[in-house]
Each structure stands twice: as C-alpha cells, then as structure tokens.
Amino acid sequence: MSRQRIVIGISGASGFQYGLKALELVRPLGLETHLVISKGAEMTRSLETDISREEVLQKADVVHAIGNLGASIASGSFESVGMLIAPCSMRTLSAVANSLSDNLLTRAADVALKERRRLVLMVRETPLTLSHIRNMELVTQMGGILFPPVPAMYQRPTSIDEIITHSVARALDLFGLKVPRLRRWGEPELPAAPSSTLHEVLML
C-alpha cells in the first residue's frame, strides 16, 4: 500500500453534511479515500443540500457503487485504517450489528470488524428504541465505536459548519488522524481563521 486508505460510507440518516465534511477533512491529510453512498443517502443529499452528486464524488479518490459486492473494499485483503460511516442510519446500524452484508456499505463495515480494523459509526437518530440500543451494544461488543455527532457547545460554535467540523474531526481522531486547527479543551485558543457563514453552510 503506497499510502494509507480510509473507507468513508454515507448512509441515509439525516446529516449528509457529516460525510461530506469527512471527505473534505481527510483530503489534506494525504490518505486515499474510498467512498460508498447508500440509496437513502442519495435522497438525503438532494433533500438537505444543494450539492450535486457529481460534486460529492469528485471529493473522493475512489468511488464504489453501493451494489458492487465485488469491489476492493469488500475484501479483507484490501488494506485500510478502517471505515467511517457518517451519518449512520439505524437501518445500517442494524445490518452491521447482525452481519447482514446486503450492500457494499454494510459489507465494507463487516470487513472492518472481522479484520479488527477501526469502525466508527456516527449514528444519527433520536429517540432510541430498545432495538437500536441492543444493536449499538452488539456493534460495541464486536469492536466498533458508536460516535453520535453531539455538538460540543463548550467550543461556543458560531456556525453550523463549526459544529459539523468539530464532530467529524473528533471522529477522525479515533483513526489517529489529526485535523489541523481543531480546537481542543484545555488548549490555547487558535487564531481566528476564515470560515463559512451560516448562509453558506445552509446552501451546501
């Protein structure tokens, strides 16, 4: 493997922007990104953002079709630092918890677990049913990490983009990937940097 790879999955929960932000934050870190988007995520992209499918795909190094179970990321011999699913729907969580590799996204997640690689699921749903909680327990027992995108209000964010960026950057911490300029508790405040306005974020 000439350079490190990471698999990024975007499933159909509300919060397509989390997956989009993951692609943007990983790019300058030098990793090769492998992207797979569920059919549900395609729907939330069109409902929640103004970004086109083509623009999203251009942010990844390699894009895999959701139905291609013969793709490289479906094999344990494909090396990577692991997989991030952002956001992760309850449907995808259930499939991962029960090893239902019925599409490439859930198969790639299953591969991460069986190969003992890092799997981080930014689960996005409230309130939770008992079934949701039990599925979270199963994934945790198998070595996966549940990482709901909970806003860090102690950072006093001033835009939606800041909230999304902080959540995704903290999820990437779990892969040992350090996003530059991430504000951390107890450390000196970083100099101000240009950021998207609330209007610009909502128009993504």
C-alpha atoms as a PDB file:
ATOM      1  CA  MET A   1       0.000   0.000   0.000  1.00  0.00           C
ATOM      2  CA  SER A   2       1.705   3.184  -1.223  1.00  0.00           C
ATOM      3  CA  ARG A   3      -0.310   5.412   1.106  1.00  0.00           C
ATOM      4  CA  GLN A   4      -2.882   4.902   3.809  1.00  0.00           C
ATOM      5  CA  ARG A   5      -6.501   4.455   2.851  1.00  0.00           C
ATOM      6  CA  ILE A   6      -9.762   5.088   4.633  1.00  0.00           C
ATOM      7  CA  VAL A   7     -13.245   3.950   3.651  1.00  0.00           C
ATOM      8  CA  ILE A   8     -15.990   6.520   4.085  1.00  0.00           C
ATOM      9  CA  GLY A   9     -19.604   5.442   3.944  1.00  0.00           C
ATOM     10  CA  ILE A  10     -22.584   7.776   3.829  1.00  0.00           C
ATOM     11  CA  SER A  11     -25.919   6.201   4.715  1.00  0.00           C
ATOM     12  CA  GLY A  12     -29.472   7.505   4.654  1.00  0.00           C
ATOM     13  CA  ALA A  13     -29.829   9.228   8.026  1.00  0.00           C
ATOM     14  CA  SER A  14     -30.298  12.975   8.188  1.00  0.00           C
ATOM     15  CA  GLY A  15     -26.905  14.690   8.145  1.00  0.00           C
ATOM     16  CA  PHE A  16     -25.382  14.106   4.718  1.00  0.00           C
ATOM     17  CA  GLN A  17     -23.097  17.045   5.545  1.00  0.00           C
ATOM     18  CA  TYR A  18     -21.185  14.876   8.032  1.00  0.00           C
ATOM     19  CA  GLY A  19     -19.996  12.528   5.296  1.00  0.00           C
ATOM     20  CA  LEU A  20     -19.243  15.440   3.026  1.00  0.00           C
ATOM     21  CA  LYS A  21     -17.174  17.109   5.738  1.00  0.00           C
ATOM     22  CA  ALA A  22     -15.267  13.860   6.355  1.00  0.00           C
ATOM     23  CA  LEU A  23     -14.173  13.803   2.721  1.00  0.00           C
ATOM     24  CA  GLU A  24     -13.065  17.433   2.940  1.00  0.00           C
ATOM     25  CA  LEU A  25     -11.105  16.988   6.179  1.00  0.00           C
ATOM     26  CA  VAL A  26      -9.335  13.789   5.122  1.00  0.00           C
ATOM     27  CA  ARG A  27      -8.155  15.088   1.740  1.00  0.00           C
ATOM     28  CA  PRO A  28      -5.305  17.328   3.033  1.00  0.00           C
ATOM     29  CA  LEU A  29      -4.138  14.551   5.379  1.00  0.00           C
ATOM     30  CA  GLY A  30      -2.816  12.558   2.445  1.00  0.00           C
ATOM     31  CA  LEU A  31      -4.997   9.457   2.758  1.00  0.00           C
ATOM     32  CA  GLU A  32      -6.645   7.760  -0.201  1.00  0.00           C
ATOM     33  CA  THR A  33     -10.409   7.971   0.289  1.00  0.00           C
ATOM     34  CA  HIS A  34     -12.765   5.207  -0.835  1.00  0.00           C
ATOM     35  CA  LEU A  35     -16.377   6.345  -0.871  1.00  0.00           C
ATOM     36  CA  VAL A  36     -19.629   4.378  -0.917  1.00  0.00           C
ATOM     37  CA  ILE A  37     -23.038   6.076  -0.713  1.00  0.00           C
ATOM     38  CA  SER A  38     -26.310   4.301   0.033  1.00  0.00           C
ATOM     39  CA  LYS A  39     -29.500   4.899  -1.920  1.00  0.00           C
ATOM     40  CA  GLY A  40     -31.029   6.530   1.146  1.00  0.00           C
ATOM     41  CA  ALA A  41     -28.085   8.907   1.379  1.00  0.00           C
ATOM     42  CA  GLU A  42     -28.656   9.976  -2.208  1.00  0.00           C
ATOM     43  CA  MET A  43     -32.138  11.013  -1.162  1.00  0.00           C
ATOM     44  CA  THR A  44     -30.969  12.993   1.875  1.00  0.00           C
ATOM     45  CA  ARG A  45     -28.310  14.689  -0.255  1.00  0.00           C
ATOM     46  CA  SER A  46     -30.970  16.023  -2.587  1.00  0.00           C
ATOM     47  CA  LEU A  47     -33.288  16.999   0.278  1.00  0.00           C
ATOM     48  CA  GLU A  48     -30.739  18.578   2.642  1.00  0.00           C
ATOM     49  CA  THR A  49     -28.170  20.162   0.348  1.00  0.00           C
ATOM     50  CA  ASP A  50     -27.751  21.897  -2.988  1.00  0.00           C
ATOM     51  CA  ILE A  51     -24.579  19.997  -3.832  1.00  0.00           C
ATOM     52  CA  SER A  52     -24.774  17.676  -6.829  1.00  0.00           C
ATOM     53  CA  ARG A  53     -23.870  14.000  -6.803  1.00  0.00           C
ATOM     54  CA  GLU A  54     -21.002  14.733  -9.196  1.00  0.00           C
ATOM     55  CA  GLU A  55     -19.549  17.363  -6.843  1.00  0.00           C
ATOM     56  CA  VAL A  56     -19.621  14.879  -3.958  1.00  0.00           C
ATOM     57  CA  LEU A  57     -17.940  12.136  -5.962  1.00  0.00           C
ATOM     58  CA  GLN A  58     -15.145  14.491  -7.009  1.00  0.00           C
ATOM     59  CA  LYS A  59     -14.150  14.837  -3.358  1.00  0.00           C
ATOM     60  CA  ALA A  60     -13.181  11.134  -3.138  1.00  0.00           C
ATOM     61  CA  ASP A  61     -10.208   9.380  -4.700  1.00  0.00           C
ATOM     62  CA  VAL A  62     -12.177   6.215  -5.471  1.00  0.00           C
ATOM     63  CA  VAL A  63     -15.963   5.806  -5.620  1.00  0.00           C
ATOM     64  CA  HIS A  64     -17.664   2.413  -5.331  1.00  0.00           C
ATOM     65  CA  ALA A  65     -21.232   1.588  -6.382  1.00  0.00           C
ATOM     66  CA  ILE A  66     -23.453   0.528  -3.496  1.00  0.00           C
ATOM     67  CA  GLY A  67     -24.415  -2.697  -5.258  1.00  0.00           C
ATOM     68  CA  ASN A  68     -20.903  -3.772  -6.251  1.00  0.00           C
ATOM     69  CA  LEU A  69     -20.148  -6.524  -3.747  1.00  0.00           C
ATOM     70  CA  GLY A  70     -17.091  -7.424  -5.807  1.00  0.00           C
ATOM     71  CA  ALA A  71     -15.407  -4.067  -5.102  1.00  0.00           C
ATOM     72  CA  SER A  72     -11.979  -3.922  -3.492  1.00  0.00           C
ATOM     73  CA  ILE A  73     -13.314  -2.661  -0.149  1.00  0.00           C
ATOM     74  CA  ALA A  74     -15.476  -5.809   0.132  1.00  0.00           C
ATOM     75  CA  SER A  75     -12.350  -7.898   0.731  1.00  0.00           C
ATOM     76  CA  GLY A  76     -10.338  -8.260   3.904  1.00  0.00           C
ATOM     77  CA  SER A  77      -7.156  -8.242   1.832  1.00  0.00           C
ATOM     78  CA  PHE A  78      -7.821  -4.595   0.978  1.00  0.00           C
ATOM     79  CA  GLU A  79      -5.722  -2.647   3.471  1.00  0.00           C
ATOM     80  CA  SER A  80      -7.061   0.457   5.174  1.00  0.00           C
ATOM     81  CA  VAL A  81      -7.002   2.256   8.513  1.00  0.00           C
ATOM     82  CA  GLY A  82     -10.684   1.424   8.822  1.00  0.00           C
ATOM     83  CA  MET A  83     -14.092   2.779   7.955  1.00  0.00           C
ATOM     84  CA  LEU A  84     -16.165   5.790   8.997  1.00  0.00           C
ATOM     85  CA  ILE A  85     -19.905   5.830   8.353  1.00  0.00           C
ATOM     86  CA  ALA A  86     -21.151   9.399   8.576  1.00  0.00           C
ATOM     87  CA  PRO A  87     -24.006   9.594   9.178  1.00  0.00           C
ATOM     88  CA  CYS A  88     -25.064   6.072  10.122  1.00  0.00           C
ATOM     89  CA  SER A  89     -28.765   5.283   9.904  1.00  0.00           C
ATOM     90  CA  MET A  90     -30.491   2.838  12.243  1.00  0.00           C
ATOM     91  CA  ARG A  91     -31.065   0.585   9.246  1.00  0.00           C
ATOM     92  CA  THR A  92     -27.320   0.479   8.520  1.00  0.00           C
ATOM     93  CA  LEU A  93     -26.533   0.012  12.227  1.00  0.00           C
ATOM     94  CA  SER A  94     -28.907  -2.958  12.344  1.00  0.00           C
ATOM     95  CA  ALA A  95     -27.326  -4.546   9.272  1.00  0.00           C
ATOM     96  CA  VAL A  96     -23.826  -4.116  10.694  1.00  0.00           C
ATOM     97  CA  ALA A  97     -24.848  -5.424  14.122  1.00  0.00           C
ATOM     98  CA  ASN A  98     -26.315  -8.563  12.572  1.00  0.00           C
ATOM     99  CA  SER A  99     -23.663  -9.104   9.858  1.00  0.00           C
ATOM    100  CA  LEU A 100     -26.145  -8.559   7.043  1.00  0.00           C
ATOM    101  CA  SER A 101     -23.794  -7.692   4.193  1.00  0.00           C
ATOM    102  CA  ASP A 102     -26.615  -6.883   1.807  1.00  0.00           C
ATOM    103  CA  ASN A 103     -24.867  -3.988   0.064  1.00  0.00           C
ATOM    104  CA  LEU A 104     -21.315  -2.718  -0.290  1.00  0.00           C
ATOM    105  CA  LEU A 105     -21.584  -0.235   2.577  1.00  0.00           C
ATOM    106  CA  THR A 106     -22.612  -2.859   5.128  1.00  0.00           C
ATOM    107  CA  ARG A 107     -20.200  -5.413   3.665  1.00  0.00           C
ATOM    108  CA  ALA A 108     -17.271  -3.000   3.992  1.00  0.00           C
ATOM    109  CA  ALA A 109     -18.275  -2.348   7.608  1.00  0.00           C
ATOM    110  CA  ASP A 110     -18.399  -6.082   8.259  1.00  0.00           C
ATOM    111  CA  VAL A 111     -14.925  -6.398   6.744  1.00  0.00           C
ATOM    112  CA  ALA A 112     -13.596  -3.712   9.093  1.00  0.00           C
ATOM    113  CA  LEU A 113     -14.956  -5.635  12.077  1.00  0.00           C
ATOM    114  CA  LYS A 114     -13.747  -9.062  11.021  1.00  0.00           C
ATOM    115  CA  GLU A 115     -10.271  -7.745  10.221  1.00  0.00           C
ATOM    116  CA  ARG A 116     -10.176  -5.965  13.613  1.00  0.00           C
ATOM    117  CA  ARG A 117      -9.878  -2.556  11.985  1.00  0.00           C
ATOM    118  CA  ARG A 118     -11.393   0.626  13.311  1.00  0.00           C
ATOM    119  CA  LEU A 119     -15.085   1.087  12.520  1.00  0.00           C
ATOM    120  CA  VAL A 120     -16.692   4.339  13.629  1.00  0.00           C
ATOM    121  CA  LEU A 121     -20.423   4.869  13.223  1.00  0.00           C
ATOM    122  CA  MET A 122     -21.795   8.395  13.529  1.00  0.00           C
ATOM    123  CA  VAL A 123     -25.268   7.143  14.413  1.00  0.00           C
ATOM    124  CA  ARG A 124     -27.986   9.694  13.864  1.00  0.00           C
ATOM    125  CA  GLU A 125     -31.423   9.069  15.396  1.00  0.00           C
ATOM    126  CA  THR A 126     -33.490  10.061  18.425  1.00  0.00           C
ATOM    127  CA  PRO A 127     -35.269   8.925  20.442  1.00  0.00           C
ATOM    128  CA  LEU A 128     -33.807   5.421  20.569  1.00  0.00           C
ATOM    129  CA  THR A 129     -35.805   2.212  20.724  1.00  0.00           C
ATOM    130  CA  LEU A 130     -34.640  -0.816  22.689  1.00  0.00           C
ATOM    131  CA  SER A 131     -33.739  -2.452  19.377  1.00  0.00           C
ATOM    132  CA  HIS A 132     -31.458   0.482  18.499  1.00  0.00           C
ATOM    133  CA  ILE A 133     -29.735   0.234  21.865  1.00  0.00           C
ATOM    134  CA  ARG A 134     -29.252  -3.526  21.562  1.00  0.00           C
ATOM    135  CA  ASN A 135     -27.764  -3.103  18.085  1.00  0.00           C
ATOM    136  CA  MET A 136     -25.363  -0.499  19.471  1.00  0.00           C
ATOM    137  CA  GLU A 137     -24.357  -2.967  22.172  1.00  0.00           C
ATOM    138  CA  LEU A 138     -23.713  -5.697  19.600  1.00  0.00           C
ATOM    139  CA  VAL A 139     -21.524  -3.431  17.451  1.00  0.00           C
ATOM    140  CA  THR A 140     -19.602  -2.268  20.524  1.00  0.00           C
ATOM    141  CA  GLN A 141     -19.006  -5.849  21.624  1.00  0.00           C
ATOM    142  CA  MET A 142     -17.598  -6.593  18.163  1.00  0.00           C
ATOM    143  CA  GLY A 143     -15.131  -3.723  18.427  1.00  0.00           C
ATOM    144  CA  GLY A 144     -16.987  -0.950  16.620  1.00  0.00           C
ATOM    145  CA  ILE A 145     -17.267   2.550  18.043  1.00  0.00           C
ATOM    146  CA  LEU A 146     -20.564   4.428  18.254  1.00  0.00           C
ATOM    147  CA  PHE A 147     -19.971   8.141  17.806  1.00  0.00           C
ATOM    148  CA  PRO A 148     -23.197  10.166  17.708  1.00  0.00           C
ATOM    149  CA  PRO A 149     -22.467  13.655  16.304  1.00  0.00           C
ATOM    150  CA  VAL A 150     -23.219  15.519  19.534  1.00  0.00           C
ATOM    151  CA  PRO A 151     -22.400  19.252  19.330  1.00  0.00           C
ATOM    152  CA  ALA A 152     -19.623  20.465  21.644  1.00  0.00           C
ATOM    153  CA  MET A 153     -21.219  23.661  22.882  1.00  0.00           C
ATOM    154  CA  TYR A 154     -18.277  24.414  25.183  1.00  0.00           C
ATOM    155  CA  GLN A 155     -16.489  25.435  21.993  1.00  0.00           C
ATOM    156  CA  ARG A 156     -19.047  28.224  21.553  1.00  0.00           C
ATOM    157  CA  PRO A 157     -19.557  27.498  17.848  1.00  0.00           C
ATOM    158  CA  THR A 158     -20.707  30.391  15.707  1.00  0.00           C
ATOM    159  CA  SER A 159     -21.840  28.449  12.634  1.00  0.00           C
ATOM    160  CA  ILE A 160     -23.303  25.109  11.620  1.00  0.00           C
ATOM    161  CA  ASP A 161     -20.053  24.410   9.782  1.00  0.00           C
ATOM    162  CA  GLU A 162     -18.073  24.712  13.036  1.00  0.00           C
ATOM    163  CA  ILE A 163     -20.386  22.229  14.742  1.00  0.00           C
ATOM    164  CA  ILE A 164     -20.128  19.723  11.904  1.00  0.00           C
ATOM    165  CA  THR A 165     -16.368  20.157  11.562  1.00  0.00           C
ATOM    166  CA  HIS A 166     -15.704  19.570  15.254  1.00  0.00           C
ATOM    167  CA  SER A 167     -17.830  16.400  15.379  1.00  0.00           C
ATOM    168  CA  VAL A 168     -16.232  14.891  12.277  1.00  0.00           C
ATOM    169  CA  ALA A 169     -12.703  15.871  13.314  1.00  0.00           C
ATOM    170  CA  ARG A 170     -13.216  14.177  16.686  1.00  0.00           C
ATOM    171  CA  ALA A 171     -14.430  11.050  14.904  1.00  0.00           C
ATOM    172  CA  LEU A 172     -11.275  11.111  12.759  1.00  0.00           C
ATOM    173  CA  ASP A 173      -9.222  11.328  15.981  1.00  0.00           C
ATOM    174  CA  LEU A 174     -10.281   7.728  16.579  1.00  0.00           C
ATOM    175  CA  PHE A 175      -8.303   6.679  13.493  1.00  0.00           C
ATOM    176  CA  GLY A 176      -5.225   8.559  14.699  1.00  0.00           C
ATOM    177  CA  LEU A 177      -5.906  11.269  12.115  1.00  0.00           C
ATOM    178  CA  LYS A 178      -5.292  14.762  13.411  1.00  0.00           C
ATOM    179  CA  VAL A 179      -7.153  17.580  11.715  1.00  0.00           C
ATOM    180  CA  PRO A 180      -5.149  20.841  11.819  1.00  0.00           C
ATOM    181  CA  ARG A 181      -6.614  23.753  13.768  1.00  0.00           C
ATOM    182  CA  LEU A 182      -9.082  21.595  15.685  1.00  0.00           C
ATOM    183  CA  ARG A 183      -9.960  23.390  18.918  1.00  0.00           C
ATOM    184  CA  ARG A 184      -9.409  21.137  21.916  1.00  0.00           C
ATOM    185  CA  TRP A 185     -10.466  21.589  25.504  1.00  0.00           C
ATOM    186  CA  GLY A 186      -7.780  22.980  27.790  1.00  0.00           C
ATOM    187  CA  GLU A 187      -5.501  24.103  24.968  1.00  0.00           C
ATOM    188  CA  PRO A 188      -4.827  27.718  23.935  1.00  0.00           C
ATOM    189  CA  GLU A 189      -7.416  29.135  21.566  1.00  0.00           C
ATOM    190  CA  LEU A 190      -6.273  29.100  17.956  1.00  0.00           C
ATOM    191  CA  PRO A 191      -6.081  32.325  15.926  1.00  0.00           C
ATOM    192  CA  ALA A 192      -9.229  33.037  14.005  1.00  0.00           C
ATOM    193  CA  ALA A 193      -9.392  31.549  10.511  1.00  0.00           C
ATOM    194  CA  PRO A 194     -11.834  32.267   7.673  1.00  0.00           C
ATOM    195  CA  SER A 195     -14.928  30.100   7.968  1.00  0.00           C
ATOM    196  CA  SER A 196     -18.181  29.638   6.110  1.00  0.00           C
ATOM    197  CA  THR A 197     -21.088  31.819   7.131  1.00  0.00           C
ATOM    198  CA  LEU A 198     -24.310  30.216   8.288  1.00  0.00           C
ATOM    199  CA  HIS A 199     -25.911  31.094   4.961  1.00  0.00           C
ATOM    200  CA  GLU A 200     -23.060  29.487   3.008  1.00  0.00           C
ATOM    201  CA  VAL A 201     -23.306  26.264   5.018  1.00  0.00           C
ATOM    202  CA  LEU A 202     -27.056  26.000   4.536  1.00  0.00           C
ATOM    203  CA  MET A 203     -26.561  26.402   0.788  1.00  0.00           C
ATOM    204  CA  LEU A 204     -24.153  23.433   0.554  1.00  0.00           C
END
